Every structure is written in C-alpha cells, then in structure tokens.
Amino acid sequence: MLTVVLILIVVACLLLTLLVLIQNPKGGIAANFVAPSQIVGAKRSTDLVEKATWIMAVALVTLSLLSNFFRPTTNGVDVATESRIKNSIEEQTVPAAPMAPQPAQTAPAQAEQAPAQAGDAPAQ
C-alpha cells in the first residue's frame, strides 16, 4: 500500500508542476513581456487551472500525511529506525580500560649510545 501512495505522490507532484507552469502570469516581471490579449483559450480557463492547482496541492499534502500511516512497523516501532539503532549498538566496541603509563625502561647510558650508532661518522 505504501508503494501505491508513493506513486500517487509522484504523479501529484508532476501534475502540480505542469499546472503551475501553464498558469497565466498575473504580474511581476513576466507581465512586461506578455501581450495584453490572450493568445489561446478563454478567460475562464485561468480559473479552472487555478482551482486544479489548489486541488493538486491539497492532494499532495494529504497523500504525504497519509503515507506516514503505511510505514512498515513492528510493535509500533519503525523498522528502519529500529534496524539502524541495532546496527549502531552491534558495531560499537567496548574500549579497553586505560592502562597506567609505564616508566621508561632504558637506562641513560643506553639512550646515549643509540644516536651514536645511527650516525657512525661525526657530522662536520
């Protein structure tokens, strides 16, 4: 049933777009470029297009609100939300307990010999 409602929403969106595009502009910038006489149709056709636009807008809002009732749920919980929550819980790992810092194990004499071994020849 959700698929049917979603298809109706898409159809309503397309029809609403077409109805808005065919409406006669009533003013603004476009009024300067339009001839004062109507080229096609009668005077009452604009009323019909305007009413159809309002009907499609109300239908779109109604279908959008109606689609909420057809979401797949399990025991009142949204299935998509529940699976996202379960996945995030399962993916989380418990961090290991922080370990206390260990003191340096190398003696100062060993630390001095290490740089000398890295560069056998003294830098000049």
N, C-alpha and C. Protein backbone atom coordinates (compact mmCIF):
# COMPACT_ATOMS: atom_id res chain seq x y z
N MET A 1 0.82 -1.19 0.00
CA MET A 1 0.00 0.00 0.00
C MET A 1 0.87 1.26 0.00
N LEU A 2 2.00 1.19 0.67
CA LEU A 2 2.90 2.34 0.69
C LEU A 2 3.40 2.67 -0.72
N THR A 3 3.64 1.66 -1.52
CA THR A 3 4.10 1.87 -2.89
C THR A 3 3.05 2.62 -3.70
N VAL A 4 1.79 2.27 -3.53
CA VAL A 4 0.71 2.94 -4.25
C VAL A 4 0.63 4.42 -3.85
N VAL A 5 0.74 4.68 -2.57
CA VAL A 5 0.68 6.06 -2.08
C VAL A 5 1.88 6.86 -2.62
N LEU A 6 3.06 6.25 -2.63
CA LEU A 6 4.24 6.94 -3.14
C LEU A 6 4.12 7.23 -4.64
N ILE A 7 3.55 6.31 -5.39
CA ILE A 7 3.33 6.54 -6.82
C ILE A 7 2.34 7.68 -7.02
N LEU A 8 1.29 7.73 -6.21
CA LEU A 8 0.32 8.82 -6.30
C LEU A 8 0.95 10.16 -5.94
N ILE A 9 1.87 10.16 -4.99
CA ILE A 9 2.58 11.40 -4.63
C ILE A 9 3.42 11.89 -5.80
N VAL A 10 4.11 11.00 -6.47
CA VAL A 10 4.95 11.39 -7.61
C VAL A 10 4.08 11.93 -8.74
N VAL A 11 2.95 11.28 -9.01
CA VAL A 11 2.03 11.74 -10.05
C VAL A 11 1.47 13.12 -9.69
N ALA A 12 1.10 13.30 -8.42
CA ALA A 12 0.58 14.59 -7.98
C ALA A 12 1.64 15.69 -8.12
N CYS A 13 2.88 15.36 -7.82
CA CYS A 13 3.97 16.34 -7.97
C CYS A 13 4.15 16.74 -9.43
N LEU A 14 4.13 15.77 -10.33
CA LEU A 14 4.28 16.08 -11.75
C LEU A 14 3.11 16.92 -12.27
N LEU A 15 1.90 16.55 -11.90
CA LEU A 15 0.73 17.32 -12.35
C LEU A 15 0.75 18.73 -11.77
N LEU A 16 1.12 18.86 -10.52
CA LEU A 16 1.19 20.19 -9.91
C LEU A 16 2.23 21.06 -10.60
N THR A 17 3.35 20.46 -10.95
CA THR A 17 4.38 21.21 -11.68
C THR A 17 3.85 21.69 -13.02
N LEU A 18 3.18 20.81 -13.75
CA LEU A 18 2.62 21.21 -15.04
C LEU A 18 1.56 22.29 -14.89
N LEU A 19 0.72 22.17 -13.89
CA LEU A 19 -0.33 23.17 -13.67
C LEU A 19 0.26 24.53 -13.33
N VAL A 20 1.30 24.54 -12.55
CA VAL A 20 1.93 25.81 -12.20
C VAL A 20 2.58 26.44 -13.44
N LEU A 21 3.18 25.60 -14.28
CA LEU A 21 3.85 26.13 -15.46
C LEU A 21 2.88 26.68 -16.51
N ILE A 22 1.67 26.14 -16.60
CA ILE A 22 0.74 26.63 -17.63
C ILE A 22 -0.12 27.78 -17.14
N GLN A 23 0.01 28.18 -15.89
CA GLN A 23 -0.79 29.30 -15.39
C GLN A 23 -0.38 30.59 -16.07
N ASN A 24 -1.36 31.47 -16.21
CA ASN A 24 -1.12 32.77 -16.81
C ASN A 24 -0.52 33.69 -15.75
N PRO A 25 0.64 34.29 -16.03
CA PRO A 25 1.22 35.19 -15.04
C PRO A 25 0.33 36.42 -14.86
N LYS A 26 0.16 36.83 -13.60
CA LYS A 26 -0.75 37.93 -13.31
C LYS A 26 -0.01 39.24 -13.05
N GLY A 27 1.28 39.24 -13.10
CA GLY A 27 2.02 40.46 -12.84
C GLY A 27 3.48 40.17 -12.66
N GLY A 28 4.20 41.15 -12.17
CA GLY A 28 5.62 40.96 -11.93
C GLY A 28 6.42 41.21 -13.19
N ILE A 29 7.58 40.62 -13.27
CA ILE A 29 8.48 40.83 -14.40
C ILE A 29 7.89 40.28 -15.69
N ALA A 30 7.24 39.13 -15.62
CA ALA A 30 6.71 38.49 -16.82
C ALA A 30 5.58 39.31 -17.45
N ALA A 31 4.91 40.15 -16.69
CA ALA A 31 3.80 40.94 -17.23
C ALA A 31 4.27 41.93 -18.28
N ASN A 32 5.51 42.36 -18.22
CA ASN A 32 6.03 43.32 -19.19
C ASN A 32 6.26 42.70 -20.56
N PHE A 33 6.43 41.39 -20.63
CA PHE A 33 6.77 40.73 -21.88
C PHE A 33 5.59 39.99 -22.51
N VAL A 34 4.41 40.04 -21.92
CA VAL A 34 3.25 39.32 -22.41
C VAL A 34 2.32 40.31 -23.08
N ALA A 35 1.76 39.88 -24.20
CA ALA A 35 0.80 40.73 -24.91
C ALA A 35 -0.47 40.86 -24.07
N PRO A 36 -1.17 41.99 -24.14
CA PRO A 36 -2.34 42.18 -23.29
C PRO A 36 -3.51 41.26 -23.65
N SER A 37 -3.60 40.80 -24.87
CA SER A 37 -4.70 39.90 -25.23
C SER A 37 -4.28 38.45 -25.04
N GLN A 38 -5.28 37.61 -24.79
CA GLN A 38 -4.98 36.19 -24.62
C GLN A 38 -4.78 35.57 -25.99
N ILE A 39 -3.76 34.72 -26.06
CA ILE A 39 -3.46 34.11 -27.35
C ILE A 39 -4.30 32.86 -27.53
N VAL A 40 -4.37 32.01 -26.53
CA VAL A 40 -5.10 30.75 -26.63
C VAL A 40 -6.05 30.64 -25.45
N GLY A 41 -7.26 30.13 -25.68
CA GLY A 41 -8.18 29.83 -24.59
C GLY A 41 -9.10 30.98 -24.25
N ALA A 42 -10.02 30.69 -23.34
CA ALA A 42 -11.00 31.68 -22.91
C ALA A 42 -10.57 32.30 -21.59
N LYS A 43 -11.30 33.31 -21.17
CA LYS A 43 -10.98 33.97 -19.90
C LYS A 43 -11.15 33.05 -18.71
N ARG A 44 -12.12 32.18 -18.74
CA ARG A 44 -12.44 31.32 -17.60
C ARG A 44 -11.45 30.17 -17.46
N SER A 45 -10.58 29.94 -18.44
CA SER A 45 -9.64 28.82 -18.35
C SER A 45 -8.63 29.04 -17.22
N THR A 46 -8.31 30.30 -16.92
CA THR A 46 -7.37 30.55 -15.83
C THR A 46 -7.97 30.17 -14.48
N ASP A 47 -9.30 30.36 -14.34
CA ASP A 47 -9.96 29.95 -13.09
C ASP A 47 -9.89 28.44 -12.92
N LEU A 48 -10.07 27.71 -14.01
CA LEU A 48 -10.02 26.25 -13.96
C LEU A 48 -8.62 25.77 -13.58
N VAL A 49 -7.61 26.38 -14.18
CA VAL A 49 -6.23 25.99 -13.89
C VAL A 49 -5.87 26.31 -12.44
N GLU A 50 -6.34 27.46 -11.96
CA GLU A 50 -6.06 27.84 -10.58
C GLU A 50 -6.73 26.89 -9.59
N LYS A 51 -7.97 26.52 -9.86
CA LYS A 51 -8.67 25.56 -8.98
C LYS A 51 -7.99 24.20 -9.01
N ALA A 52 -7.58 23.78 -10.21
CA ALA A 52 -6.89 22.49 -10.31
C ALA A 52 -5.56 22.52 -9.56
N THR A 53 -4.88 23.66 -9.58
CA THR A 53 -3.62 23.78 -8.85
C THR A 53 -3.85 23.64 -7.35
N TRP A 54 -4.89 24.30 -6.83
CA TRP A 54 -5.20 24.19 -5.41
C TRP A 54 -5.60 22.76 -5.04
N ILE A 55 -6.37 22.12 -5.91
CA ILE A 55 -6.79 20.73 -5.64
C ILE A 55 -5.57 19.81 -5.60
N MET A 56 -4.65 19.97 -6.54
CA MET A 56 -3.45 19.12 -6.56
C MET A 56 -2.55 19.41 -5.36
N ALA A 57 -2.48 20.65 -4.93
CA ALA A 57 -1.66 20.98 -3.76
C ALA A 57 -2.24 20.33 -2.51
N VAL A 58 -3.56 20.40 -2.36
CA VAL A 58 -4.20 19.76 -1.20
C VAL A 58 -4.04 18.24 -1.28
N ALA A 59 -4.16 17.69 -2.48
CA ALA A 59 -3.99 16.24 -2.65
C ALA A 59 -2.57 15.82 -2.29
N LEU A 60 -1.58 16.62 -2.67
CA LEU A 60 -0.19 16.29 -2.37
C LEU A 60 0.07 16.30 -0.87
N VAL A 61 -0.45 17.30 -0.19
CA VAL A 61 -0.26 17.38 1.27
C VAL A 61 -0.98 16.21 1.94
N THR A 62 -2.19 15.91 1.49
CA THR A 62 -2.96 14.80 2.08
C THR A 62 -2.25 13.46 1.87
N LEU A 63 -1.76 13.23 0.67
CA LEU A 63 -1.06 11.97 0.39
C LEU A 63 0.23 11.87 1.20
N SER A 64 0.91 12.99 1.37
CA SER A 64 2.14 12.97 2.16
C SER A 64 1.86 12.61 3.62
N LEU A 65 0.81 13.19 4.16
CA LEU A 65 0.43 12.84 5.53
C LEU A 65 -0.08 11.40 5.63
N LEU A 66 -0.79 10.96 4.62
CA LEU A 66 -1.33 9.59 4.60
C LEU A 66 -0.22 8.55 4.51
N SER A 67 0.87 8.89 3.83
CA SER A 67 1.97 7.92 3.68
C SER A 67 2.59 7.54 5.01
N ASN A 68 2.46 8.40 6.01
CA ASN A 68 3.01 8.12 7.33
C ASN A 68 2.33 6.90 7.97
N PHE A 69 1.08 6.67 7.65
CA PHE A 69 0.35 5.56 8.26
C PHE A 69 0.67 4.21 7.63
N PHE A 70 1.36 4.20 6.50
CA PHE A 70 1.66 2.94 5.82
C PHE A 70 3.12 2.54 5.92
N ARG A 71 3.88 3.18 6.81
CA ARG A 71 5.27 2.78 7.01
C ARG A 71 5.31 1.40 7.65
N PRO A 72 6.29 0.58 7.28
CA PRO A 72 6.42 -0.72 7.92
C PRO A 72 6.87 -0.58 9.37
N THR A 73 6.09 -1.12 10.29
CA THR A 73 6.42 -1.04 11.72
C THR A 73 6.32 -2.42 12.34
N THR A 74 7.01 -2.59 13.45
CA THR A 74 6.93 -3.81 14.25
C THR A 74 6.65 -3.40 15.67
N ASN A 75 5.49 -3.75 16.17
CA ASN A 75 5.07 -3.41 17.53
C ASN A 75 5.16 -1.90 17.79
N GLY A 76 4.76 -1.12 16.81
CA GLY A 76 4.74 0.32 16.97
C GLY A 76 6.07 1.01 16.80
N VAL A 77 7.12 0.27 16.44
CA VAL A 77 8.44 0.85 16.26
C VAL A 77 8.77 0.80 14.77
N ASP A 78 9.25 1.91 14.23
CA ASP A 78 9.61 1.97 12.82
C ASP A 78 10.73 0.98 12.54
N VAL A 79 10.55 0.15 11.52
CA VAL A 79 11.52 -0.90 11.22
C VAL A 79 12.86 -0.31 10.82
N ALA A 80 12.85 0.73 10.00
CA ALA A 80 14.11 1.32 9.54
C ALA A 80 14.89 1.92 10.71
N THR A 81 14.19 2.61 11.59
CA THR A 81 14.86 3.21 12.75
C THR A 81 15.39 2.14 13.69
N GLU A 82 14.58 1.10 13.90
CA GLU A 82 15.00 0.03 14.81
C GLU A 82 16.24 -0.66 14.29
N SER A 83 16.31 -0.94 12.99
CA SER A 83 17.48 -1.63 12.46
C SER A 83 18.72 -0.75 12.52
N ARG A 84 18.55 0.58 12.30
CA ARG A 84 19.70 1.48 12.41
C ARG A 84 20.23 1.50 13.84
N ILE A 85 19.32 1.50 14.81
CA ILE A 85 19.74 1.51 16.21
C ILE A 85 20.45 0.21 16.56
N LYS A 86 19.88 -0.91 16.11
CA LYS A 86 20.51 -2.21 16.39
C LYS A 86 21.90 -2.29 15.76
N ASN A 87 22.03 -1.82 14.53
CA ASN A 87 23.33 -1.87 13.86
C ASN A 87 24.36 -1.01 14.59
N SER A 88 23.96 0.16 15.04
CA SER A 88 24.92 1.02 15.73
C SER A 88 25.33 0.42 17.07
N ILE A 89 24.42 -0.26 17.75
CA ILE A 89 24.77 -0.90 19.02
C ILE A 89 25.70 -2.08 18.79
N GLU A 90 25.42 -2.87 17.75
CA GLU A 90 26.25 -4.04 17.47
C GLU A 90 27.64 -3.64 16.98
N GLU A 91 27.75 -2.52 16.29
CA GLU A 91 29.04 -2.09 15.76
C GLU A 91 29.93 -1.46 16.82
N GLN A 92 29.34 -1.00 17.89
CA GLN A 92 30.14 -0.36 18.93
C GLN A 92 30.95 -1.41 19.68
N THR A 93 32.19 -1.07 19.99
CA THR A 93 33.04 -1.96 20.78
C THR A 93 33.32 -1.27 22.10
N VAL A 94 33.45 -2.05 23.11
CA VAL A 94 33.76 -1.50 24.42
C VAL A 94 35.24 -1.18 24.46
N PRO A 95 35.60 0.05 24.75
CA PRO A 95 37.03 0.39 24.78
C PRO A 95 37.72 -0.30 25.95
N ALA A 96 38.97 -0.66 25.73
CA ALA A 96 39.75 -1.31 26.78
C ALA A 96 40.00 -0.31 27.91
N ALA A 97 40.16 -0.86 29.12
CA ALA A 97 40.42 0.01 30.26
C ALA A 97 41.74 0.73 30.05
N PRO A 98 41.78 2.01 30.35
CA PRO A 98 43.04 2.74 30.13
C PRO A 98 44.14 2.20 31.03
N MET A 99 45.30 2.03 30.43
CA MET A 99 46.43 1.49 31.17
C MET A 99 47.25 2.65 31.73
N ALA A 100 47.85 2.42 32.89
CA ALA A 100 48.71 3.44 33.51
C ALA A 100 49.98 3.56 32.68
N PRO A 101 50.49 4.75 32.51
CA PRO A 101 51.73 4.91 31.73
C PRO A 101 52.89 4.20 32.42
N GLN A 102 53.67 3.51 31.63
CA GLN A 102 54.81 2.77 32.18
C GLN A 102 56.06 3.65 32.10
N PRO A 103 56.90 3.59 33.12
CA PRO A 103 58.13 4.40 33.09
C PRO A 103 59.09 3.86 32.03
N ALA A 104 59.97 4.71 31.57
CA ALA A 104 60.93 4.31 30.54
C ALA A 104 61.84 3.22 31.08
N GLN A 105 62.07 2.17 30.31
CA GLN A 105 62.85 1.02 30.73
C GLN A 105 64.33 1.15 30.33
N THR A 106 64.65 2.07 29.48
CA THR A 106 66.03 2.17 29.02
C THR A 106 66.84 3.03 29.99
N ALA A 107 68.06 2.63 30.21
CA ALA A 107 68.96 3.38 31.09
C ALA A 107 69.53 4.56 30.31
N PRO A 108 69.98 5.60 30.99
CA PRO A 108 70.54 6.77 30.28
C PRO A 108 71.74 6.41 29.42
N ALA A 109 72.55 5.47 29.84
CA ALA A 109 73.73 5.10 29.07
C ALA A 109 73.32 4.47 27.74
N GLN A 110 72.28 3.65 27.75
CA GLN A 110 71.81 3.02 26.52
C GLN A 110 71.21 4.05 25.59
N ALA A 111 70.54 5.05 26.12
CA ALA A 111 69.92 6.09 25.31
C ALA A 111 70.97 6.92 24.59
N GLU A 112 72.16 7.13 25.22
CA GLU A 112 73.21 7.92 24.59
C GLU A 112 73.89 7.14 23.48
N GLN A 113 73.98 5.82 23.60
CA GLN A 113 74.66 5.01 22.60
C GLN A 113 73.81 4.86 21.33
N ALA A 114 72.53 4.92 21.46
CA ALA A 114 71.65 4.72 20.32
C ALA A 114 71.86 5.78 19.24
N PRO A 115 71.96 7.08 19.56
CA PRO A 115 72.20 8.04 18.48
C PRO A 115 73.58 7.90 17.87
N ALA A 116 74.55 7.49 18.64
CA ALA A 116 75.91 7.35 18.10
C ALA A 116 75.95 6.22 17.08
N GLN A 117 75.17 5.17 17.26
CA GLN A 117 75.15 4.07 16.33
C GLN A 117 74.43 4.45 15.04
N ALA A 118 73.49 5.37 15.13
CA ALA A 118 72.73 5.73 13.95
C ALA A 118 73.63 6.46 12.95
N GLY A 119 74.50 7.30 13.42
CA GLY A 119 75.40 8.01 12.51
C GLY A 119 76.83 7.71 12.91
N ASP A 120 77.52 6.81 12.23
CA ASP A 120 78.87 6.41 12.61
C ASP A 120 79.86 7.54 12.45
N ALA A 121 79.76 8.30 11.40
CA ALA A 121 80.71 9.38 11.18
C ALA A 121 80.15 10.67 11.79
N PRO A 122 80.99 11.42 12.49
CA PRO A 122 80.51 12.67 13.07
C PRO A 122 80.22 13.69 11.96
N ALA A 123 79.21 14.47 12.20
CA ALA A 123 78.80 15.50 11.22
C ALA A 123 79.77 16.67 11.28
N GLN A 124 80.21 17.16 10.14
CA GLN A 124 81.16 18.27 10.10
C GLN A 124 80.59 19.46 9.41
